[in-house]
C-alpha cells in the first residue's frame, strides 16, 4: 500500500500530487484497472499478440 506522510504546513493538494506520482511509478492504478474484471488467459494471449503485431507493423 502506498503511503505519503504530510510535512508540517504542507498543503493537502501537494501531498495528493506526491501520492499520485508515487502510485503511478509503482503501477498501482494500472494494476487496479486491469483487475476490474476477470480476463481469461486465452483473452490475455490474444490481446498481447494483437499488440505485438501492431508494434511490428509500426516499426516497419
Protein backbone atom coordinates (compact mmCIF):
# COMPACT_ATOMS: atom_id res chain seq x y z
CA UNK A 1 0.00 0.00 0.00
CA UNK A 2 1.36 3.41 -0.95
CA UNK A 3 1.84 5.90 1.80
CA UNK A 4 2.82 9.56 1.83
CA UNK A 5 3.48 11.42 5.04
CA UNK A 6 2.47 15.06 5.09
CA UNK A 7 5.11 17.53 6.09
CA UNK A 8 4.36 20.19 8.65
CA UNK A 9 2.44 23.04 6.99
CA UNK A 10 2.17 21.19 3.65
CA UNK A 11 -0.97 21.67 1.56
CA UNK A 12 -3.19 18.62 1.10
CA UNK A 13 -3.19 19.14 -2.67
CA UNK A 14 0.60 18.91 -2.77
CA UNK A 15 0.58 15.70 -0.72
CA UNK A 16 -2.08 14.24 -3.04
CA UNK A 17 0.08 15.09 -6.04
CA UNK A 18 3.02 13.27 -4.45
CA UNK A 19 0.80 10.26 -3.71
CA UNK A 20 -0.47 10.13 -7.30
CA UNK A 21 3.10 10.30 -8.65
CA UNK A 22 4.19 7.52 -6.30
CA UNK A 23 1.24 5.30 -7.29
CA UNK A 24 1.93 5.95 -10.97
CA UNK A 25 5.58 4.92 -10.55
CA UNK A 26 4.55 1.72 -8.75
CA UNK A 27 1.91 0.93 -11.37
CA UNK A 28 -0.83 0.62 -8.75
CA UNK A 29 -3.58 2.33 -10.75
CA UNK A 30 -2.71 0.39 -13.89
CA UNK A 31 -2.99 -2.88 -11.99
CA UNK A 32 -6.33 -1.89 -10.48
CA UNK A 33 -7.73 -1.05 -13.90
CA UNK A 34 -6.54 -4.40 -15.27
CA UNK A 35 -8.18 -6.30 -12.40
CA UNK A 36 -11.62 -4.69 -12.70
CA UNK A 37 -12.93 -7.80 -14.39
CA UNK A 38 -11.65 -11.31 -14.95
CA UNK A 39 -9.91 -11.90 -18.25
CA UNK A 40 -9.37 -15.47 -19.36
CA UNK A 41 -5.77 -16.48 -20.11
CA UNK A 42 -6.67 -17.04 -23.78
CA UNK A 43 -8.01 -13.47 -23.97
CA UNK A 44 -4.80 -12.13 -22.44
CA UNK A 45 -2.70 -14.02 -25.00
CA UNK A 46 -4.90 -12.76 -27.85
CA UNK A 47 -4.62 -9.15 -26.62
CA UNK A 48 -0.84 -9.41 -26.24
CA UNK A 49 -0.44 -10.94 -29.71
CA UNK A 50 -2.54 -8.16 -31.19
CA UNK A 51 -0.36 -5.52 -29.50
CA UNK A 52 2.84 -7.23 -30.68
CA UNK A 53 1.55 -7.36 -34.26
CA UNK A 54 0.68 -3.66 -34.13
CA UNK A 55 4.20 -2.89 -32.88
CA UNK A 56 5.68 -4.94 -35.73
CA UNK A 57 3.63 -3.02 -38.30
CA UNK A 58 4.54 0.30 -36.69
CA UNK A 59 8.30 -0.41 -36.68
CA UNK A 60 8.49 -1.25 -40.40
